[in-house]
PDB file of all heavy atoms in Angstrom:
ATOM      1  N   GLY A   1      66.831 109.832  93.870  1.00  0.00           N
ATOM      2  CA  GLY A   1      66.402 110.349  92.620  1.00  0.00           C
ATOM      3  C   GLY A   1      67.598 110.574  91.649  1.00  0.00           C
ATOM      4  O   GLY A   1      67.390 111.119  90.496  1.00  0.00           O
ATOM      5  N   ALA A   2      68.785 110.164  92.047  1.00  0.00           N
ATOM      6  CA  ALA A   2      69.934 110.220  91.139  1.00  0.00           C
ATOM      7  C   ALA A   2      69.853 109.004  90.208  1.00  0.00           C
ATOM      8  O   ALA A   2      69.484 107.937  90.660  1.00  0.00           O
ATOM      9  CB  ALA A   2      71.197 110.278  91.963  1.00  0.00           C
ATOM     10  N   ASP A   3      70.395 109.190  89.005  1.00  0.00           N
ATOM     11  CA  ASP A   3      70.436 108.135  88.056  1.00  0.00           C
ATOM     12  C   ASP A   3      71.862 107.828  87.500  1.00  0.00           C
ATOM     13  O   ASP A   3      72.000 106.956  86.701  1.00  0.00           O
ATOM     14  CB  ASP A   3      69.471 108.428  86.898  1.00  0.00           C
ATOM     15  CG  ASP A   3      69.735 109.779  86.243  1.00  0.00           C
ATOM     16  OD1 ASP A   3      70.852 110.258  86.357  1.00  0.00           O
ATOM     17  OD2 ASP A   3      68.754 110.330  85.718  1.00  0.00           O
ATOM     18  N   THR A   4      72.831 108.487  88.035  1.00  0.00           N
ATOM     19  CA  THR A   4      74.234 108.397  87.574  1.00  0.00           C
ATOM     20  C   THR A   4      75.151 108.487  88.763  1.00  0.00           C
ATOM     21  O   THR A   4      74.832 109.381  89.679  1.00  0.00           O
ATOM     22  CB  THR A   4      74.568 109.441  86.506  1.00  0.00           C
ATOM     23  OG1 THR A   4      73.669 109.303  85.442  1.00  0.00           O
ATOM     24  CG2 THR A   4      75.998 109.209  85.975  1.00  0.00           C
ATOM     25  N   ILE A   5      76.133 107.729  88.898  1.00  0.00           N
ATOM     26  CA  ILE A   5      77.249 107.913  89.879  1.00  0.00           C
ATOM     27  C   ILE A   5      78.492 108.338  89.197  1.00  0.00           C
ATOM     28  O   ILE A   5      78.815 107.904  88.169  1.00  0.00           O
ATOM     29  CB  ILE A   5      77.363 106.704  90.768  1.00  0.00           C
ATOM     30  CG1 ILE A   5      77.983 105.510  90.022  1.00  0.00           C
ATOM     31  CG2 ILE A   5      76.170 106.289  91.526  1.00  0.00           C
ATOM     32  CD1 ILE A   5      78.487 104.339  90.884  1.00  0.00           C
ATOM     33  N   TRP A   6      79.195 109.295  89.854  1.00  0.00           N
ATOM     34  CA  TRP A   6      80.539 109.683  89.509  1.00  0.00           C
ATOM     35  C   TRP A   6      81.404 109.213  90.581  1.00  0.00           C
ATOM     36  O   TRP A   6      81.318 109.579  91.737  1.00  0.00           O
ATOM     37  CB  TRP A   6      80.605 111.173  89.272  1.00  0.00           C
ATOM     38  CG  TRP A   6      81.989 111.847  89.415  1.00  0.00           C
ATOM     39  CD1 TRP A   6      83.187 111.164  89.292  1.00  0.00           C
ATOM     40  CD2 TRP A   6      82.215 113.160  89.777  1.00  0.00           C
ATOM     41  NE1 TRP A   6      84.188 112.106  89.510  1.00  0.00           N
ATOM     42  CE2 TRP A   6      83.659 113.280  89.902  1.00  0.00           C
ATOM     43  CE3 TRP A   6      81.467 114.293  90.098  1.00  0.00           C
ATOM     44  CZ2 TRP A   6      84.267 114.479  90.229  1.00  0.00           C
ATOM     45  CZ3 TRP A   6      82.050 115.454  90.458  1.00  0.00           C
ATOM     46  CH2 TRP A   6      83.488 115.628  90.454  1.00  0.00           C
ATOM     47  N   LEU A   7      82.343 108.319  90.194  1.00  0.00           N
ATOM     48  CA  LEU A   7      83.244 107.695  91.115  1.00  0.00           C
ATOM     49  C   LEU A   7      84.606 108.461  91.095  1.00  0.00           C
ATOM     50  O   LEU A   7      85.328 108.443  90.080  1.00  0.00           O
ATOM     51  CB  LEU A   7      83.439 106.236  90.679  1.00  0.00           C
ATOM     52  CG  LEU A   7      83.900 105.260  91.734  1.00  0.00           C
ATOM     53  CD1 LEU A   7      82.957 105.172  92.911  1.00  0.00           C
ATOM     54  CD2 LEU A   7      84.055 103.849  91.015  1.00  0.00           C
ATOM     55  N   SER A   8      84.947 109.026  92.206  1.00  0.00           N
ATOM     56  CA  SER A   8      86.268 109.674  92.351  1.00  0.00           C
ATOM     57  C   SER A   8      87.297 108.533  92.270  1.00  0.00           C
ATOM     58  O   SER A   8      86.961 107.355  92.416  1.00  0.00           O
ATOM     59  CB  SER A   8      86.430 110.423  93.637  1.00  0.00           C
ATOM     60  OG  SER A   8      85.668 111.612  93.552  1.00  0.00           O
ATOM     61  N   PRO A   9      88.620 108.763  92.098  1.00  0.00           N
ATOM     62  CA  PRO A   9      89.602 107.733  91.667  1.00  0.00           C
ATOM     63  C   PRO A   9      89.574 106.493  92.587  1.00  0.00           C
ATOM     64  O   PRO A   9      89.658 106.604  93.803  1.00  0.00           O
ATOM     65  CB  PRO A   9      90.925 108.485  91.743  1.00  0.00           C
ATOM     66  CG  PRO A   9      90.601 109.905  91.604  1.00  0.00           C
ATOM     67  CD  PRO A   9      89.234 110.063  92.183  1.00  0.00           C
ATOM     68  N   VAL A  10      89.626 105.320  91.962  1.00  0.00           N
ATOM     69  CA  VAL A  10      89.760 104.055  92.639  1.00  0.00           C
ATOM     70  C   VAL A  10      90.989 103.289  92.023  1.00  0.00           C
ATOM     71  O   VAL A  10      91.191 102.157  92.440  1.00  0.00           O
ATOM     72  CB  VAL A  10      88.496 103.164  92.513  1.00  0.00           C
ATOM     73  CG1 VAL A  10      87.359 103.774  93.287  1.00  0.00           C
ATOM     74  CG2 VAL A  10      88.084 103.005  91.062  1.00  0.00           C
ATOM     75  N   TYR A  11      91.755 103.987  91.244  1.00  0.00           N
ATOM     76  CA  TYR A  11      92.870 103.310  90.529  1.00  0.00           C
ATOM     77  C   TYR A  11      94.013 103.060  91.577  1.00  0.00           C
ATOM     78  O   TYR A  11      94.113 103.636  92.678  1.00  0.00           O
ATOM     79  CB  TYR A  11      93.432 104.246  89.506  1.00  0.00           C
ATOM     80  CG  TYR A  11      92.415 104.786  88.552  1.00  0.00           C
ATOM     81  CD1 TYR A  11      91.915 106.089  88.670  1.00  0.00           C
ATOM     82  CD2 TYR A  11      91.872 104.004  87.462  1.00  0.00           C
ATOM     83  CE1 TYR A  11      90.961 106.612  87.830  1.00  0.00           C
ATOM     84  CE2 TYR A  11      90.917 104.564  86.610  1.00  0.00           C
ATOM     85  CZ  TYR A  11      90.494 105.822  86.754  1.00  0.00           C
ATOM     86  OH  TYR A  11      89.562 106.354  85.937  1.00  0.00           O
ATOM     87  N   GLU A  12      94.942 102.191  91.160  1.00  0.00           N
ATOM     88  CA  GLU A  12      96.132 101.966  91.965  1.00  0.00           C
ATOM     89  C   GLU A  12      96.875 103.293  92.208  1.00  0.00           C
ATOM     90  O   GLU A  12      97.087 104.031  91.306  1.00  0.00           O
ATOM     91  CB  GLU A  12      97.008 100.990  91.199  1.00  0.00           C
ATOM     92  CG  GLU A  12      98.255 100.548  92.016  1.00  0.00           C
ATOM     93  CD  GLU A  12      99.165  99.593  91.225  1.00  0.00           C
ATOM     94  OE1 GLU A  12      99.977 100.057  90.493  1.00  0.00           O
ATOM     95  OE2 GLU A  12      98.974  98.379  91.449  1.00  0.00           O
ATOM     96  N   SER A  13      97.251 103.495  93.458  1.00  0.00           N
ATOM     97  CA  SER A  13      97.864 104.809  93.858  1.00  0.00           C
ATOM     98  C   SER A  13      98.572 104.732  95.156  1.00  0.00           C
ATOM     99  O   SER A  13      98.075 104.009  96.087  1.00  0.00           O
ATOM    100  CB  SER A  13      96.765 105.846  93.909  1.00  0.00           C
ATOM    101  OG  SER A  13      97.228 107.081  94.500  1.00  0.00           O
ATOM    102  N   PRO A  14      99.636 105.449  95.312  1.00  0.00           N
ATOM    103  CA  PRO A  14     100.301 105.593  96.645  1.00  0.00           C
ATOM    104  C   PRO A  14      99.513 106.468  97.625  1.00  0.00           C
ATOM    105  O   PRO A  14      99.807 106.532  98.802  1.00  0.00           O
ATOM    106  CB  PRO A  14     101.605 106.245  96.336  1.00  0.00           C
ATOM    107  CG  PRO A  14     101.777 106.116  94.892  1.00  0.00           C
ATOM    108  CD  PRO A  14     100.448 106.084  94.252  1.00  0.00           C
ATOM    109  N   MET A  15      98.437 107.114  97.094  1.00  0.00           N
ATOM    110  CA  MET A  15      97.451 107.914  97.916  1.00  0.00           C
ATOM    111  C   MET A  15      98.135 109.154  98.519  1.00  0.00           C
ATOM    112  O   MET A  15      97.741 109.542  99.629  1.00  0.00           O
ATOM    113  CB  MET A  15      96.843 107.023  98.969  1.00  0.00           C
ATOM    114  CG  MET A  15      96.002 105.899  98.368  1.00  0.00           C
ATOM    115  SD  MET A  15      94.572 106.432  97.493  1.00  0.00           S
ATOM    116  CE  MET A  15      93.417 106.676  98.829  1.00  0.00           C
ATOM    117  N   VAL A  16      99.117 109.725  97.855  1.00  0.00           N
ATOM    118  CA  VAL A  16      99.683 110.996  98.378  1.00  0.00           C
ATOM    119  C   VAL A  16      98.563 112.086  98.263  1.00  0.00           C
ATOM    120  O   VAL A  16      98.382 112.928  99.151  1.00  0.00           O
ATOM    121  CB  VAL A  16     100.867 111.430  97.559  1.00  0.00           C
ATOM    122  CG1 VAL A  16     101.304 112.811  97.887  1.00  0.00           C
ATOM    123  CG2 VAL A  16     102.049 110.468  97.806  1.00  0.00           C
ATOM    124  N   ASP A  17      97.801 112.045  97.163  1.00  0.00           N
ATOM    125  CA  ASP A  17      96.736 112.992  96.856  1.00  0.00           C
ATOM    126  C   ASP A  17      95.386 112.252  96.761  1.00  0.00           C
ATOM    127  O   ASP A  17      94.603 112.461  95.893  1.00  0.00           O
ATOM    128  CB  ASP A  17      97.005 113.853  95.672  1.00  0.00           C
ATOM    129  CG  ASP A  17      96.030 114.989  95.492  1.00  0.00           C
ATOM    130  OD1 ASP A  17      95.303 115.378  96.487  1.00  0.00           O
ATOM    131  OD2 ASP A  17      95.867 115.463  94.399  1.00  0.00           O
ATOM    132  N   MET A  18      95.163 111.286  97.675  1.00  0.00           N
ATOM    133  CA  MET A  18      93.907 110.592  97.726  1.00  0.00           C
ATOM    134  C   MET A  18      93.506 109.965  96.404  1.00  0.00           C
ATOM    135  O   MET A  18      92.267 110.039  96.018  1.00  0.00           O
ATOM    136  CB  MET A  18      92.848 111.420  98.340  1.00  0.00           C
ATOM    137  CG  MET A  18      93.018 111.751  99.797  1.00  0.00           C
ATOM    138  SD  MET A  18      93.261 110.264 100.852  1.00  0.00           S
ATOM    139  CE  MET A  18      91.684 109.435 100.585  1.00  0.00           C
ATOM    140  N   GLY A  19      94.410 109.383  95.679  1.00  0.00           N
ATOM    141  CA  GLY A  19      94.097 108.672  94.437  1.00  0.00           C
ATOM    142  C   GLY A  19      94.241 109.477  93.240  1.00  0.00           C
ATOM    143  O   GLY A  19      94.161 108.941  92.086  1.00  0.00           O
ATOM    144  N   TYR A  20      94.448 110.806  93.318  1.00  0.00           N
ATOM    145  CA  TYR A  20      94.738 111.645  92.137  1.00  0.00           C
ATOM    146  C   TYR A  20      96.189 111.522  91.731  1.00  0.00           C
ATOM    147  O   TYR A  20      96.616 112.302  90.834  1.00  0.00           O
ATOM    148  CB  TYR A  20      94.232 113.053  92.429  1.00  0.00           C
ATOM    149  CG  TYR A  20      92.766 113.240  92.420  1.00  0.00           C
ATOM    150  CD1 TYR A  20      92.052 112.962  93.520  1.00  0.00           C
ATOM    151  CD2 TYR A  20      92.114 113.501  91.161  1.00  0.00           C
ATOM    152  CE1 TYR A  20      90.600 113.038  93.493  1.00  0.00           C
ATOM    153  CE2 TYR A  20      90.710 113.556  91.148  1.00  0.00           C
ATOM    154  CZ  TYR A  20      89.979 113.351  92.303  1.00  0.00           C
ATOM    155  OH  TYR A  20      88.581 113.385  92.258  1.00  0.00           O
ATOM    156  N   ASP A  21      96.881 110.693  92.321  1.00  0.00           N
ATOM    157  CA  ASP A  21      98.301 110.318  91.936  1.00  0.00           C
ATOM    158  C   ASP A  21      98.261 108.863  91.508  1.00  0.00           C
ATOM    159  O   ASP A  21      98.403 107.933  92.364  1.00  0.00           O
ATOM    160  CB  ASP A  21      99.255 110.588  93.031  1.00  0.00           C
ATOM    161  CG  ASP A  21      98.843 109.986  94.376  1.00  0.00           C
ATOM    162  OD1 ASP A  21      97.676 110.059  94.697  1.00  0.00           O
ATOM    163  OD2 ASP A  21      99.720 109.413  95.113  1.00  0.00           O
ATOM    164  N   ILE A  22      98.057 108.588  90.268  1.00  0.00           N
ATOM    165  CA  ILE A  22      97.825 107.203  89.808  1.00  0.00           C
ATOM    166  C   ILE A  22      99.124 106.549  89.358  1.00  0.00           C
ATOM    167  O   ILE A  22      99.863 107.047  88.560  1.00  0.00           O
ATOM    168  CB  ILE A  22      96.799 107.308  88.618  1.00  0.00           C
ATOM    169  CG1 ILE A  22      95.433 107.843  89.074  1.00  0.00           C
ATOM    170  CG2 ILE A  22      96.604 105.876  88.007  1.00  0.00           C
ATOM    171  CD1 ILE A  22      94.507 108.193  87.960  1.00  0.00           C
ATOM    172  N   SER A  23      99.278 105.288  89.929  1.00  0.00           N
ATOM    173  CA  SER A  23     100.489 104.522  89.563  1.00  0.00           C
ATOM    174  C   SER A  23     100.145 103.447  88.443  1.00  0.00           C
ATOM    175  O   SER A  23     101.067 102.895  87.877  1.00  0.00           O
ATOM    176  CB  SER A  23     101.040 103.897  90.773  1.00  0.00           C
ATOM    177  OG  SER A  23     100.100 103.150  91.459  1.00  0.00           O
ATOM    178  N   ASN A  24      98.880 103.189  88.309  1.00  0.00           N
ATOM    179  CA  ASN A  24      98.526 102.213  87.229  1.00  0.00           C
ATOM    180  C   ASN A  24      96.974 102.468  86.882  1.00  0.00           C
ATOM    181  O   ASN A  24      96.138 102.230  87.772  1.00  0.00           O
ATOM    182  CB  ASN A  24      98.732 100.774  87.593  1.00  0.00           C
ATOM    183  CG  ASN A  24      98.588  99.827  86.378  1.00  0.00           C
ATOM    184  OD1 ASN A  24      97.767  99.981  85.534  1.00  0.00           O
ATOM    185  ND2 ASN A  24      99.545  98.868  86.365  1.00  0.00           N
ATOM    186  N   TYR A  25      96.697 102.886  85.702  1.00  0.00           N
ATOM    187  CA  TYR A  25      95.322 103.198  85.310  1.00  0.00           C
ATOM    188  C   TYR A  25      94.496 101.921  85.183  1.00  0.00           C
ATOM    189  O   TYR A  25      93.216 101.981  85.192  1.00  0.00           O
ATOM    190  CB  TYR A  25      95.290 103.934  83.956  1.00  0.00           C
ATOM    191  CG  TYR A  25      95.809 105.414  84.033  1.00  0.00           C
ATOM    192  CD1 TYR A  25      97.100 105.669  83.562  1.00  0.00           C
ATOM    193  CD2 TYR A  25      95.047 106.419  84.557  1.00  0.00           C
ATOM    194  CE1 TYR A  25      97.565 106.981  83.619  1.00  0.00           C
ATOM    195  CE2 TYR A  25      95.542 107.723  84.570  1.00  0.00           C
ATOM    196  CZ  TYR A  25      96.813 107.972  84.092  1.00  0.00           C
ATOM    197  OH  TYR A  25      97.273 109.269  84.161  1.00  0.00           O
ATOM    198  N   GLU A  26      95.135 100.821  84.945  1.00  0.00           N
ATOM    199  CA  GLU A  26      94.444  99.655  84.647  1.00  0.00           C
ATOM    200  C   GLU A  26      94.247  98.654  85.860  1.00  0.00           C
ATOM    201  O   GLU A  26      93.857  97.520  85.708  1.00  0.00           O
ATOM    202  CB  GLU A  26      95.113  98.843  83.481  1.00  0.00           C
ATOM    203  CG  GLU A  26      95.181  99.710  82.292  1.00  0.00           C
ATOM    204  CD  GLU A  26      96.002  99.081  81.149  1.00  0.00           C
ATOM    205  OE1 GLU A  26      95.977  97.832  81.022  1.00  0.00           O
ATOM    206  OE2 GLU A  26      96.632  99.781  80.284  1.00  0.00           O
ATOM    207  N   LYS A  27      94.629  99.127  87.068  1.00  0.00           N
ATOM    208  CA  LYS A  27      94.443  98.302  88.232  1.00  0.00           C
ATOM    209  C   LYS A  27      93.711  99.156  89.271  1.00  0.00           C
ATOM    210  O   LYS A  27      93.630 100.372  89.166  1.00  0.00           O
ATOM    211  CB  LYS A  27      95.828  97.959  88.811  1.00  0.00           C
ATOM    212  CG  LYS A  27      96.570  96.914  88.005  1.00  0.00           C
ATOM    213  CD  LYS A  27      97.814  96.475  88.630  1.00  0.00           C
ATOM    214  CE  LYS A  27      98.583  95.416  87.809  1.00  0.00           C
ATOM    215  NZ  LYS A  27      99.811  94.984  88.492  1.00  0.00           N
ATOM    216  N   ILE A  28      93.079  98.454  90.211  1.00  0.00           N
ATOM    217  CA  ILE A  28      92.309  99.063  91.261  1.00  0.00           C
ATOM    218  C   ILE A  28      93.152  99.108  92.562  1.00  0.00           C
ATOM    219  O   ILE A  28      93.849  98.087  92.856  1.00  0.00           O
ATOM    220  CB  ILE A  28      91.017  98.295  91.536  1.00  0.00           C
ATOM    221  CG1 ILE A  28      90.109  98.358  90.289  1.00  0.00           C
ATOM    222  CG2 ILE A  28      90.250  98.824  92.745  1.00  0.00           C
ATOM    223  CD1 ILE A  28      89.659  99.743  89.853  1.00  0.00           C
ATOM    224  N   ASN A  29      93.063 100.150  93.323  1.00  0.00           N
ATOM    225  CA  ASN A  29      93.741 100.212  94.604  1.00  0.00           C
ATOM    226  C   ASN A  29      93.187  99.048  95.489  1.00  0.00           C
ATOM    227  O   ASN A  29      92.002  99.029  95.685  1.00  0.00           O
ATOM    228  CB  ASN A  29      93.455 101.528  95.223  1.00  0.00           C
ATOM    229  CG  ASN A  29      94.290 101.855  96.496  1.00  0.00           C
ATOM    230  OD1 ASN A  29      94.609 100.899  97.254  1.00  0.00           O
ATOM    231  ND2 ASN A  29      94.669 103.061  96.694  1.00  0.00           N
ATOM    232  N   PRO A  30      94.099  98.232  96.036  1.00  0.00           N
ATOM    233  CA  PRO A  30      93.530  97.125  96.917  1.00  0.00           C
ATOM    234  C   PRO A  30      92.717  97.627  98.045  1.00  0.00           C
ATOM    235  O   PRO A  30      91.877  96.841  98.550  1.00  0.00           O
ATOM    236  CB  PRO A  30      94.828  96.438  97.349  1.00  0.00           C
ATOM    237  CG  PRO A  30      95.856  96.792  96.325  1.00  0.00           C
ATOM    238  CD  PRO A  30      95.479  98.145  95.811  1.00  0.00           C
ATOM    239  N   LEU A  31      92.883  98.888  98.491  1.00  0.00           N
ATOM    240  CA  LEU A  31      92.033  99.478  99.553  1.00  0.00           C
ATOM    241  C   LEU A  31      90.573  99.373  99.139  1.00  0.00           C
ATOM    242  O   LEU A  31      89.658  99.257 100.016  1.00  0.00           O
ATOM    243  CB  LEU A  31      92.447 100.884  99.858  1.00  0.00           C
ATOM    244  CG  LEU A  31      93.601 101.114 100.745  1.00  0.00           C
ATOM    245  CD1 LEU A  31      93.942 102.606 100.774  1.00  0.00           C
ATOM    246  CD2 LEU A  31      93.327 100.585 102.172  1.00  0.00           C
ATOM    247  N   TYR A  32      90.344  99.495  97.812  1.00  0.00           N
ATOM    248  CA  TYR A  32      88.934  99.615  97.346  1.00  0.00           C
ATOM    249  C   TYR A  32      88.380  98.305  96.772  1.00  0.00           C
ATOM    250  O   TYR A  32      87.207  98.134  96.672  1.00  0.00           O
ATOM    251  CB  TYR A  32      88.893 100.685  96.184  1.00  0.00           C
ATOM    252  CG  TYR A  32      89.234 102.066  96.653  1.00  0.00           C
ATOM    253  CD1 TYR A  32      90.061 102.818  95.888  1.00  0.00           C
ATOM    254  CD2 TYR A  32      88.822 102.592  97.904  1.00  0.00           C
ATOM    255  CE1 TYR A  32      90.462 104.142  96.370  1.00  0.00           C
ATOM    256  CE2 TYR A  32      89.152 103.810  98.305  1.00  0.00           C
ATOM    257  CZ  TYR A  32      90.016 104.621  97.548  1.00  0.00           C
ATOM    258  OH  TYR A  32      90.314 105.889  97.928  1.00  0.00           O
ATOM    259  N   GLY A  33      89.249  97.381  96.413  1.00  0.00           N
ATOM    260  CA  GLY A  33      88.853  96.153  95.846  1.00  0.00           C
ATOM    261  C   GLY A  33      89.647  95.669  94.682  1.00  0.00           C
ATOM    262  O   GLY A  33      90.878  95.922  94.625  1.00  0.00           O
ATOM    263  N   THR A  34      89.005  95.052  93.716  1.00  0.00           N
ATOM    264  CA  THR A  34      89.670  94.431  92.570  1.00  0.00           C
ATOM    265  C   THR A  34      89.021  94.928  91.250  1.00  0.00           C
ATOM    266  O   THR A  34      87.951  95.491  91.238  1.00  0.00           O
ATOM    267  CB  THR A  34      89.638  92.904  92.636  1.00  0.00           C
ATOM    268  OG1 THR A  34      88.252  92.499  92.582  1.00  0.00           O
ATOM    269  CG2 THR A  34      90.181  92.406  93.951  1.00  0.00           C
ATOM    270  N   LEU A  35      89.671  94.520  90.173  1.00  0.00           N
ATOM    271  CA  LEU A  35      89.096  94.796  88.873  1.00  0.00           C
ATOM    272  C   LEU A  35      87.757  94.051  88.713  1.00  0.00           C
ATOM    273  O   LEU A  35      86.761  94.557  88.166  1.00  0.00           O
ATOM    274  CB  LEU A  35      89.979  94.383  87.752  1.00  0.00           C
ATOM    275  CG  LEU A  35      91.014  95.383  87.271  1.00  0.00           C
ATOM    276  CD1 LEU A  35      91.916  94.753  86.203  1.00  0.00           C
ATOM    277  CD2 LEU A  35      90.376  96.609  86.669  1.00  0.00           C
ATOM    278  N   GLU A  36      87.698  92.848  89.278  1.00  0.00           N
ATOM    279  CA  GLU A  36      86.494  92.094  89.250  1.00  0.00           C
ATOM    280  C   GLU A  36      85.362  92.805  89.993  1.00  0.00           C
ATOM    281  O   GLU A  36      84.142  92.833  89.628  1.00  0.00           O
ATOM    282  CB  GLU A  36      86.665  90.638  89.812  1.00  0.00           C
ATOM    283  CG  GLU A  36      87.506  89.765  89.004  1.00  0.00           C
ATOM    284  CD  GLU A  36      88.982  90.121  88.982  1.00  0.00           C
ATOM    285  OE1 GLU A  36      89.461  90.750  89.951  1.00  0.00           O
ATOM    286  OE2 GLU A  36      89.693  89.732  88.034  1.00  0.00           O
ATOM    287  N   ASP A  37      85.704  93.473  91.157  1.00  0.00           N
ATOM    288  CA  ASP A  37      84.706  94.194  91.873  1.00  0.00           C
ATOM    289  C   ASP A  37      84.177  95.393  91.025  1.00  0.00           C
ATOM    290  O   ASP A  37      83.007  95.713  91.050  1.00  0.00           O
ATOM    291  CB  ASP A  37      85.337  94.765  93.208  1.00  0.00           C
ATOM    292  CG  ASP A  37      85.600  93.689  94.205  1.00  0.00           C
ATOM    293  OD1 ASP A  37      84.984  92.629  94.193  1.00  0.00           O
ATOM    294  OD2 ASP A  37      86.546  93.914  94.977  1.00  0.00           O
ATOM    295  N   MET A  38      85.097  95.993  90.272  1.00  0.00           N
ATOM    296  CA  MET A  38      84.620  97.157  89.422  1.00  0.00           C
ATOM    297  C   MET A  38      83.728  96.621  88.301  1.00  0.00           C
ATOM    298  O   MET A  38      82.702  97.268  87.967  1.00  0.00           O
ATOM    299  CB  MET A  38      85.846  97.823  88.792  1.00  0.00           C
ATOM    300  CG  MET A  38      86.401  98.964  89.597  1.00  0.00           C
ATOM    301  SD  MET A  38      85.194 100.326  89.956  1.00  0.00           S
ATOM    302  CE  MET A  38      84.712 100.781  88.281  1.00  0.00           C
ATOM    303  N   ASP A  39      84.086  95.490  87.757  1.00  0.00           N
ATOM    304  CA  ASP A  39      83.180  94.885  86.710  1.00  0.00           C
ATOM    305  C   ASP A  39      81.763  94.646  87.322  1.00  0.00           C
ATOM    306  O   ASP A  39      80.782  94.942  86.636  1.00  0.00           O
ATOM    307  CB  ASP A  39      83.779  93.593  86.174  1.00  0.00           C
ATOM    308  CG  ASP A  39      85.032  93.750  85.395  1.00  0.00           C
ATOM    309  OD1 ASP A  39      85.197  94.878  84.805  1.00  0.00           O
ATOM    310  OD2 ASP A  39      85.798  92.818  85.275  1.00  0.00           O
TER     311      ASP A  39
END
């Protein structure tokens, strides 16, 4: 019954703080996939 998802960080990151330490806002962490996957 949910109609919206909120995605916690998937950006490029060294993952010191599980993605809340972002090294590039315009790239996806390879652990999660690619920009094409996000599209």
